[in-house]
């Protein structure tokens, strides 16, 4: 007869191991990632408005096209802002999924938005500076603590 008392560990319960992908605690930075996604949707809307104004009423801007960093007419700027606005808003929606590709796209698109507004700053300085500030906040939130949103999604 064999004894089961000599088999070590048989019938003992092993506590479940925590997954490496799940954070031990969620911090307030997840809220900042959601804030960044909502801000990107709003920035996209602002780009669309700016693009529509440039397309339909190019005399609205007081600076001549030669006063811009890049000397193009306002119809071209209108299309740039309109297309960029749709892409920025789409990246904001994708960011809510918590996926890594969405973070990469969002940071890239926010950087392009920042550059586009810097180039357009002579025409509408307050508007462009505000969007640049929001783009910087979005890039900061996504690059510093973006992983926390991925871990909770």
N, C-alpha and C. Protein backbone atom coordinates (compact mmCIF):
# COMPACT_ATOMS: atom_id res chain seq x y z
N UNK A 1 0.82 -1.17 0.00
CA UNK A 1 0.00 0.00 0.00
C UNK A 1 0.86 1.24 0.00
N UNK A 2 0.42 2.18 -0.74
CA UNK A 2 1.18 3.42 -0.78
C UNK A 2 0.48 4.46 0.06
N UNK A 3 1.27 5.28 0.65
CA UNK A 3 0.73 6.33 1.52
C UNK A 3 0.70 7.64 0.75
N UNK A 4 -0.40 8.39 0.87
CA UNK A 4 -0.51 9.69 0.22
C UNK A 4 0.12 10.77 1.06
N UNK A 5 0.49 10.46 2.27
CA UNK A 5 1.09 11.47 3.13
C UNK A 5 2.51 11.81 2.69
N UNK A 6 3.15 10.97 1.92
CA UNK A 6 4.51 11.25 1.47
C UNK A 6 4.55 12.18 0.26
N UNK A 7 3.42 12.38 -0.44
CA UNK A 7 3.38 13.26 -1.61
C UNK A 7 3.18 14.68 -1.12
N UNK A 8 4.17 15.52 -1.35
CA UNK A 8 4.07 16.90 -0.87
C UNK A 8 3.28 17.75 -1.85
N UNK A 9 2.44 18.62 -1.34
CA UNK A 9 1.70 19.56 -2.16
C UNK A 9 0.44 19.00 -2.77
N UNK A 10 0.18 17.73 -2.63
CA UNK A 10 -1.00 17.14 -3.23
C UNK A 10 -2.23 17.57 -2.44
N UNK A 11 -3.17 18.17 -3.12
CA UNK A 11 -4.40 18.58 -2.46
C UNK A 11 -4.33 19.95 -1.81
N UNK A 12 -3.18 20.60 -1.85
CA UNK A 12 -3.10 21.95 -1.27
C UNK A 12 -3.46 22.97 -2.33
N UNK A 13 -4.07 24.04 -1.89
CA UNK A 13 -4.49 25.09 -2.81
C UNK A 13 -3.38 26.14 -2.94
N UNK A 14 -3.12 26.50 -4.18
CA UNK A 14 -2.13 27.53 -4.47
C UNK A 14 -2.89 28.84 -4.70
N UNK A 15 -2.49 29.90 -4.01
CA UNK A 15 -3.20 31.16 -4.24
C UNK A 15 -2.97 31.66 -5.67
N UNK A 16 -3.99 32.28 -6.27
CA UNK A 16 -3.83 32.76 -7.66
C UNK A 16 -2.77 33.85 -7.74
N UNK A 17 -2.00 33.79 -8.80
CA UNK A 17 -0.96 34.78 -9.03
C UNK A 17 -1.55 35.98 -9.77
N UNK A 18 -1.18 37.19 -9.36
CA UNK A 18 -1.70 38.36 -10.08
C UNK A 18 -1.11 38.44 -11.48
N UNK A 19 -1.90 38.89 -12.40
CA UNK A 19 -1.45 39.04 -13.78
C UNK A 19 -0.48 40.21 -13.87
N UNK A 20 0.53 40.09 -14.71
CA UNK A 20 1.50 41.18 -14.87
C UNK A 20 0.90 42.36 -15.60
N UNK A 21 -0.16 42.17 -16.37
CA UNK A 21 -0.76 43.24 -17.14
C UNK A 21 -1.69 44.13 -16.33
N UNK A 22 -2.15 43.65 -15.21
CA UNK A 22 -3.08 44.44 -14.40
C UNK A 22 -2.31 45.25 -13.36
N UNK A 23 -2.63 46.52 -13.21
CA UNK A 23 -1.94 47.32 -12.21
C UNK A 23 -2.41 46.94 -10.81
N UNK A 24 -1.55 47.17 -9.85
CA UNK A 24 -1.95 46.87 -8.48
C UNK A 24 -2.94 47.89 -7.97
N UNK A 25 -2.84 49.11 -8.43
CA UNK A 25 -3.81 50.13 -8.07
C UNK A 25 -3.92 51.14 -9.21
N UNK A 26 -5.11 51.62 -9.42
CA UNK A 26 -5.34 52.61 -10.45
C UNK A 26 -5.16 53.99 -9.84
N UNK A 27 -4.42 54.83 -10.52
CA UNK A 27 -4.18 56.17 -10.01
C UNK A 27 -5.08 57.17 -10.72
N UNK A 28 -4.98 58.41 -10.32
CA UNK A 28 -5.77 59.47 -10.92
C UNK A 28 -5.37 59.79 -12.34
N UNK A 29 -4.26 59.24 -12.81
CA UNK A 29 -3.81 59.54 -14.17
C UNK A 29 -4.71 58.93 -15.22
N UNK A 30 -5.48 57.91 -14.87
CA UNK A 30 -6.43 57.36 -15.83
C UNK A 30 -7.44 58.45 -16.20
N UNK A 31 -7.83 59.25 -15.23
CA UNK A 31 -8.71 60.38 -15.52
C UNK A 31 -8.07 61.38 -16.46
N UNK A 32 -6.75 61.57 -16.33
CA UNK A 32 -6.05 62.48 -17.24
C UNK A 32 -6.02 61.93 -18.66
N UNK A 33 -5.95 60.61 -18.80
CA UNK A 33 -5.96 60.01 -20.13
C UNK A 33 -7.34 60.21 -20.77
N UNK A 34 -8.40 60.03 -19.98
CA UNK A 34 -9.74 60.29 -20.49
C UNK A 34 -9.90 61.77 -20.82
N UNK A 35 -9.34 62.63 -19.97
CA UNK A 35 -9.33 64.07 -20.25
C UNK A 35 -8.62 64.34 -21.58
N UNK A 36 -7.50 63.69 -21.81
CA UNK A 36 -6.75 63.87 -23.06
C UNK A 36 -7.59 63.44 -24.26
N UNK A 37 -8.32 62.33 -24.13
CA UNK A 37 -9.17 61.86 -25.22
C UNK A 37 -10.28 62.86 -25.52
N UNK A 38 -10.92 63.37 -24.47
CA UNK A 38 -11.99 64.35 -24.66
C UNK A 38 -11.43 65.65 -25.24
N UNK A 39 -10.27 66.06 -24.77
CA UNK A 39 -9.65 67.28 -25.29
C UNK A 39 -9.30 67.11 -26.77
N UNK A 40 -8.86 65.92 -27.16
CA UNK A 40 -8.54 65.70 -28.58
C UNK A 40 -9.80 65.80 -29.43
N UNK A 41 -10.91 65.31 -28.91
CA UNK A 41 -12.16 65.44 -29.65
C UNK A 41 -12.55 66.92 -29.78
N UNK A 42 -12.35 67.68 -28.71
CA UNK A 42 -12.67 69.11 -28.75
C UNK A 42 -11.69 69.86 -29.66
N UNK A 43 -10.41 69.53 -29.59
CA UNK A 43 -9.42 70.17 -30.46
C UNK A 43 -9.75 69.88 -31.91
N UNK A 44 -10.17 68.65 -32.19
CA UNK A 44 -10.59 68.31 -33.54
C UNK A 44 -11.75 69.18 -34.00
N UNK A 45 -12.72 69.39 -33.12
CA UNK A 45 -13.84 70.26 -33.45
C UNK A 45 -13.41 71.69 -33.70
N UNK A 46 -12.46 72.17 -32.90
CA UNK A 46 -11.95 73.53 -33.09
C UNK A 46 -11.20 73.65 -34.42
N UNK A 47 -10.44 72.62 -34.77
CA UNK A 47 -9.76 72.63 -36.07
C UNK A 47 -10.79 72.68 -37.21
N UNK A 48 -11.86 71.92 -37.08
CA UNK A 48 -12.89 71.91 -38.12
C UNK A 48 -13.51 73.30 -38.26
N UNK A 49 -13.82 73.94 -37.13
CA UNK A 49 -14.39 75.29 -37.17
C UNK A 49 -13.41 76.26 -37.83
N UNK A 50 -12.15 76.18 -37.42
CA UNK A 50 -11.13 77.05 -37.99
C UNK A 50 -10.97 76.81 -39.49
N UNK A 51 -11.05 75.56 -39.90
CA UNK A 51 -10.95 75.23 -41.32
C UNK A 51 -12.14 75.74 -42.11
N UNK A 52 -13.34 75.60 -41.56
CA UNK A 52 -14.53 76.08 -42.25
C UNK A 52 -14.52 77.60 -42.39
N UNK A 53 -14.06 78.31 -41.36
CA UNK A 53 -13.95 79.77 -41.44
C UNK A 53 -12.96 80.15 -42.54
N UNK A 54 -11.83 79.47 -42.59
CA UNK A 54 -10.82 79.79 -43.62
C UNK A 54 -11.34 79.48 -45.01
N UNK A 55 -12.19 78.46 -45.14
CA UNK A 55 -12.72 78.10 -46.46
C UNK A 55 -13.81 79.05 -46.94
N UNK A 56 -14.71 79.40 -46.03
CA UNK A 56 -15.88 80.17 -46.45
C UNK A 56 -15.76 81.68 -46.26
N UNK A 57 -14.86 82.12 -45.39
CA UNK A 57 -14.71 83.56 -45.16
C UNK A 57 -13.23 83.87 -44.92
N UNK A 58 -12.44 83.78 -45.96
CA UNK A 58 -11.00 83.96 -45.81
C UNK A 58 -10.61 85.39 -45.47
N UNK A 59 -11.51 86.34 -45.59
CA UNK A 59 -11.21 87.72 -45.18
C UNK A 59 -11.34 87.90 -43.67
N UNK A 60 -11.77 86.87 -42.96
CA UNK A 60 -11.93 86.94 -41.50
C UNK A 60 -10.58 87.14 -40.82
N UNK A 61 -9.55 86.53 -41.35
CA UNK A 61 -8.23 86.64 -40.75
C UNK A 61 -7.57 87.93 -41.21
N UNK A 62 -6.97 88.65 -40.28
CA UNK A 62 -6.44 89.98 -40.56
C UNK A 62 -5.04 89.97 -41.15
N UNK A 63 -4.34 88.88 -41.03
CA UNK A 63 -2.97 88.80 -41.53
C UNK A 63 -3.00 88.34 -42.98
N UNK A 64 -2.23 89.01 -43.81
CA UNK A 64 -2.14 88.58 -45.21
C UNK A 64 -1.43 87.24 -45.27
N UNK A 65 -1.68 86.48 -46.32
CA UNK A 65 -1.07 85.16 -46.41
C UNK A 65 0.45 85.24 -46.42
N UNK A 66 1.00 86.38 -46.80
CA UNK A 66 2.46 86.54 -46.77
C UNK A 66 2.98 86.69 -45.35
N UNK A 67 2.11 86.99 -44.40
CA UNK A 67 2.52 87.14 -43.00
C UNK A 67 2.57 85.84 -42.24
N UNK A 68 2.13 84.76 -42.84
CA UNK A 68 2.18 83.46 -42.19
C UNK A 68 3.58 82.87 -42.28
N UNK A 69 3.86 81.92 -41.41
CA UNK A 69 5.16 81.25 -41.46
C UNK A 69 5.32 80.51 -42.78
N UNK A 70 4.25 79.87 -43.23
CA UNK A 70 4.21 79.22 -44.52
C UNK A 70 3.25 80.03 -45.38
N UNK A 71 3.73 80.56 -46.47
CA UNK A 71 2.93 81.48 -47.28
C UNK A 71 2.04 80.70 -48.26
N UNK A 72 0.81 80.39 -47.80
CA UNK A 72 -0.19 79.75 -48.65
C UNK A 72 -1.50 80.50 -48.45
N UNK A 73 -2.43 80.30 -49.35
CA UNK A 73 -3.70 80.99 -49.21
C UNK A 73 -4.56 80.31 -48.14
N UNK A 74 -5.58 81.02 -47.70
CA UNK A 74 -6.40 80.51 -46.61
C UNK A 74 -7.30 79.35 -47.02
N UNK A 75 -7.54 79.17 -48.30
CA UNK A 75 -8.29 78.00 -48.74
C UNK A 75 -7.49 76.73 -48.46
N UNK A 76 -6.20 76.77 -48.73
CA UNK A 76 -5.34 75.61 -48.43
C UNK A 76 -5.29 75.36 -46.93
N UNK A 77 -5.15 76.45 -46.15
CA UNK A 77 -5.14 76.30 -44.69
C UNK A 77 -6.47 75.75 -44.20
N UNK A 78 -7.55 76.17 -44.84
CA UNK A 78 -8.86 75.66 -44.45
C UNK A 78 -8.95 74.16 -44.61
N UNK A 79 -8.47 73.65 -45.74
CA UNK A 79 -8.49 72.21 -45.95
C UNK A 79 -7.57 71.48 -44.98
N UNK A 80 -6.41 72.06 -44.71
CA UNK A 80 -5.49 71.44 -43.76
C UNK A 80 -6.14 71.32 -42.39
N UNK A 81 -6.75 72.40 -41.91
CA UNK A 81 -7.38 72.37 -40.59
C UNK A 81 -8.62 71.48 -40.57
N UNK A 82 -9.36 71.44 -41.65
CA UNK A 82 -10.55 70.59 -41.71
C UNK A 82 -10.17 69.12 -41.63
N UNK A 83 -9.21 68.71 -42.44
CA UNK A 83 -8.76 67.32 -42.44
C UNK A 83 -8.08 66.96 -41.12
N UNK A 84 -7.24 67.86 -40.63
CA UNK A 84 -6.56 67.62 -39.36
C UNK A 84 -7.57 67.50 -38.22
N UNK A 85 -8.62 68.31 -38.26
CA UNK A 85 -9.65 68.25 -37.22
C UNK A 85 -10.34 66.91 -37.17
N UNK A 86 -10.66 66.36 -38.32
CA UNK A 86 -11.32 65.05 -38.37
C UNK A 86 -10.38 63.97 -37.85
N UNK A 87 -9.11 64.05 -38.21
CA UNK A 87 -8.13 63.05 -37.77
C UNK A 87 -7.89 63.16 -36.26
N UNK A 88 -7.79 64.38 -35.73
CA UNK A 88 -7.56 64.57 -34.29
C UNK A 88 -8.76 64.04 -33.50
N UNK A 89 -9.96 64.36 -33.93
CA UNK A 89 -11.15 63.87 -33.23
C UNK A 89 -11.23 62.35 -33.29
N UNK A 90 -10.90 61.77 -34.43
CA UNK A 90 -10.88 60.31 -34.55
C UNK A 90 -9.85 59.67 -33.64
N UNK A 91 -8.69 60.30 -33.51
CA UNK A 91 -7.67 59.78 -32.59
C UNK A 91 -8.14 59.87 -31.15
N UNK A 92 -8.90 60.91 -30.82
CA UNK A 92 -9.45 61.03 -29.47
C UNK A 92 -10.43 59.91 -29.17
N UNK A 93 -11.29 59.58 -30.13
CA UNK A 93 -12.22 58.47 -29.94
C UNK A 93 -11.46 57.15 -29.80
N UNK A 94 -10.44 56.94 -30.62
CA UNK A 94 -9.66 55.71 -30.56
C UNK A 94 -8.90 55.59 -29.24
N UNK A 95 -8.51 56.72 -28.68
CA UNK A 95 -7.76 56.72 -27.42
C UNK A 95 -8.58 56.14 -26.27
N UNK A 96 -9.88 56.27 -26.34
CA UNK A 96 -10.73 55.71 -25.29
C UNK A 96 -10.68 54.19 -25.23
N UNK A 97 -10.19 53.55 -26.28
CA UNK A 97 -10.08 52.09 -26.28
C UNK A 97 -8.93 51.61 -25.39
N UNK A 98 -7.97 52.49 -25.11
CA UNK A 98 -6.84 52.11 -24.26
C UNK A 98 -5.77 51.31 -24.97
N UNK A 99 -5.82 51.23 -26.26
CA UNK A 99 -4.84 50.45 -27.02
C UNK A 99 -3.56 51.24 -27.24
N UNK A 100 -2.46 50.53 -27.37
CA UNK A 100 -1.16 51.16 -27.58
C UNK A 100 -1.11 51.91 -28.91
N UNK A 101 -1.66 51.34 -29.98
CA UNK A 101 -1.63 52.01 -31.28
C UNK A 101 -2.40 53.32 -31.22
N UNK A 102 -3.46 53.37 -30.43
CA UNK A 102 -4.23 54.61 -30.31
C UNK A 102 -3.42 55.69 -29.60
N UNK A 103 -2.63 55.29 -28.62
CA UNK A 103 -1.75 56.25 -27.94
C UNK A 103 -0.70 56.79 -28.88
N UNK A 104 -0.11 55.92 -29.68
CA UNK A 104 0.92 56.35 -30.63
C UNK A 104 0.33 57.31 -31.65
N UNK A 105 -0.83 56.95 -32.20
CA UNK A 105 -1.50 57.83 -33.17
C UNK A 105 -1.88 59.15 -32.51
N UNK A 106 -2.39 59.10 -31.30
CA UNK A 106 -2.83 60.32 -30.61
C UNK A 106 -1.66 61.27 -30.35
N UNK A 107 -0.53 60.75 -29.91
CA UNK A 107 0.63 61.60 -29.66
C UNK A 107 1.14 62.19 -30.98
N UNK A 108 1.17 61.39 -32.02
CA UNK A 108 1.63 61.87 -33.33
C UNK A 108 0.71 62.96 -33.87
N UNK A 109 -0.58 62.72 -33.79
CA UNK A 109 -1.55 63.69 -34.30
C UNK A 109 -1.54 64.97 -33.45
N UNK A 110 -1.38 64.84 -32.14
CA UNK A 110 -1.29 66.03 -31.29
C UNK A 110 -0.04 66.84 -31.63
N UNK A 111 1.05 66.18 -31.95
CA UNK A 111 2.26 66.89 -32.35
C UNK A 111 2.07 67.61 -33.68
N UNK A 112 1.39 66.96 -34.62
CA UNK A 112 1.10 67.61 -35.90
C UNK A 112 0.17 68.80 -35.70
N UNK A 113 -0.81 68.66 -34.82
CA UNK A 113 -1.73 69.76 -34.51
C UNK A 113 -0.97 70.93 -33.89
N UNK A 114 -0.03 70.62 -33.00
CA UNK A 114 0.78 71.66 -32.37
C UNK A 114 1.58 72.43 -33.42
N UNK A 115 2.20 71.72 -34.33
CA UNK A 115 3.00 72.36 -35.38
C UNK A 115 2.11 73.19 -36.32
N UNK A 116 0.96 72.64 -36.70
CA UNK A 116 0.05 73.37 -37.59
C UNK A 116 -0.42 74.67 -36.94
N UNK A 117 -0.71 74.64 -35.66
CA UNK A 117 -1.15 75.86 -34.99
C UNK A 117 -0.01 76.83 -34.77
N UNK A 118 1.19 76.33 -34.60
CA UNK A 118 2.34 77.22 -34.49
C UNK A 118 2.56 77.98 -35.80
N UNK A 119 2.39 77.28 -36.91
CA UNK A 119 2.54 77.91 -38.22
C UNK A 119 1.43 78.92 -38.47
N UNK A 120 0.24 78.67 -37.93
CA UNK A 120 -0.93 79.51 -38.14
C UNK A 120 -1.05 80.62 -37.09
N UNK A 121 -0.11 80.72 -36.15
CA UNK A 121 -0.22 81.60 -35.00
C UNK A 121 -0.31 83.08 -35.36
N UNK A 122 0.26 83.49 -36.49
CA UNK A 122 0.22 84.90 -36.87
C UNK A 122 -1.20 85.34 -37.23
N UNK A 123 -2.02 84.42 -37.72
CA UNK A 123 -3.37 84.77 -38.12
C UNK A 123 -4.33 84.85 -36.95
N UNK A 124 -4.18 83.98 -35.99
CA UNK A 124 -5.12 83.93 -34.87
C UNK A 124 -4.36 83.51 -33.62
N UNK A 125 -3.62 84.45 -33.00
CA UNK A 125 -2.68 84.08 -31.93
C UNK A 125 -3.32 83.48 -30.68
N UNK A 126 -4.43 84.01 -30.21
CA UNK A 126 -5.03 83.49 -28.98
C UNK A 126 -5.57 82.08 -29.20
N UNK A 127 -6.29 81.90 -30.29
CA UNK A 127 -6.84 80.59 -30.62
C UNK A 127 -5.73 79.56 -30.78
N UNK A 128 -4.71 79.89 -31.55
CA UNK A 128 -3.62 78.95 -31.80
C UNK A 128 -2.84 78.64 -30.52
N UNK A 129 -2.60 79.64 -29.69
CA UNK A 129 -1.87 79.42 -28.44
C UNK A 129 -2.66 78.51 -27.50
N UNK A 130 -3.97 78.69 -27.46
CA UNK A 130 -4.81 77.84 -26.62
C UNK A 130 -4.76 76.39 -27.09
N UNK A 131 -4.86 76.17 -28.38
CA UNK A 131 -4.81 74.80 -28.90
C UNK A 131 -3.43 74.19 -28.69
N UNK A 132 -2.38 75.00 -28.84
CA UNK A 132 -1.02 74.51 -28.58
C UNK A 132 -0.89 74.06 -27.12
N UNK A 133 -1.43 74.84 -26.19
CA UNK A 133 -1.37 74.47 -24.76
C UNK A 133 -2.10 73.15 -24.51
N UNK A 134 -3.27 72.98 -25.12
CA UNK A 134 -4.02 71.73 -24.96
C UNK A 134 -3.27 70.56 -25.58
N UNK A 135 -2.63 70.79 -26.71
CA UNK A 135 -1.84 69.72 -27.34
C UNK A 135 -0.69 69.29 -26.45
N UNK A 136 -0.04 70.24 -25.81
CA UNK A 136 1.06 69.91 -24.89
C UNK A 136 0.54 69.08 -23.72
N UNK A 137 -0.61 69.45 -23.15
CA UNK A 137 -1.19 68.66 -22.06
C UNK A 137 -1.53 67.24 -22.50
N UNK A 138 -2.07 67.11 -23.69
CA UNK A 138 -2.42 65.79 -24.22
C UNK A 138 -1.17 64.95 -24.39
N UNK A 139 -0.14 65.51 -24.99
CA UNK A 139 1.11 64.76 -25.19
C UNK A 139 1.71 64.36 -23.86
N UNK A 140 1.71 65.25 -22.89
CA UNK A 140 2.25 64.94 -21.56
C UNK A 140 1.48 63.79 -20.91
N UNK A 141 0.16 63.89 -20.90
CA UNK A 141 -0.64 62.86 -20.24
C UNK A 141 -0.46 61.50 -20.90
N UNK A 142 -0.35 61.48 -22.21
CA UNK A 142 -0.24 60.20 -22.92
C UNK A 142 1.14 59.58 -22.82
N UNK A 143 2.18 60.40 -22.80
CA UNK A 143 3.52 59.84 -22.77
C UNK A 143 3.97 59.47 -21.36
N UNK A 144 3.50 60.18 -20.37
CA UNK A 144 3.96 59.90 -19.01
C UNK A 144 3.16 58.76 -18.36
N UNK A 145 1.85 58.79 -18.50
CA UNK A 145 1.02 57.80 -17.80
C UNK A 145 0.04 57.08 -18.70
N UNK A 146 0.33 56.96 -19.96
CA UNK A 146 -0.57 56.28 -20.88
C UNK A 146 -0.74 54.80 -20.61
N UNK A 147 0.26 54.16 -20.04
CA UNK A 147 0.20 52.72 -19.76
C UNK A 147 -0.91 52.39 -18.77
N UNK A 148 -1.22 53.29 -17.87
CA UNK A 148 -2.25 53.00 -16.88
C UNK A 148 -3.62 52.83 -17.53
N UNK A 149 -3.88 53.56 -18.60
CA UNK A 149 -5.14 53.39 -19.31
C UNK A 149 -5.15 52.06 -20.03
N UNK A 150 -4.02 51.64 -20.55
CA UNK A 150 -3.91 50.34 -21.23
C UNK A 150 -4.14 49.22 -20.24
N UNK A 151 -3.60 49.36 -19.03
CA UNK A 151 -3.72 48.31 -18.04
C UNK A 151 -5.14 48.12 -17.53
N UNK A 152 -5.93 49.19 -17.50
CA UNK A 152 -7.28 49.08 -16.97
C UNK A 152 -8.30 48.76 -18.04
N UNK A 153 -7.94 48.91 -19.30
CA UNK A 153 -8.91 48.67 -20.37
C UNK A 153 -9.14 47.20 -20.60
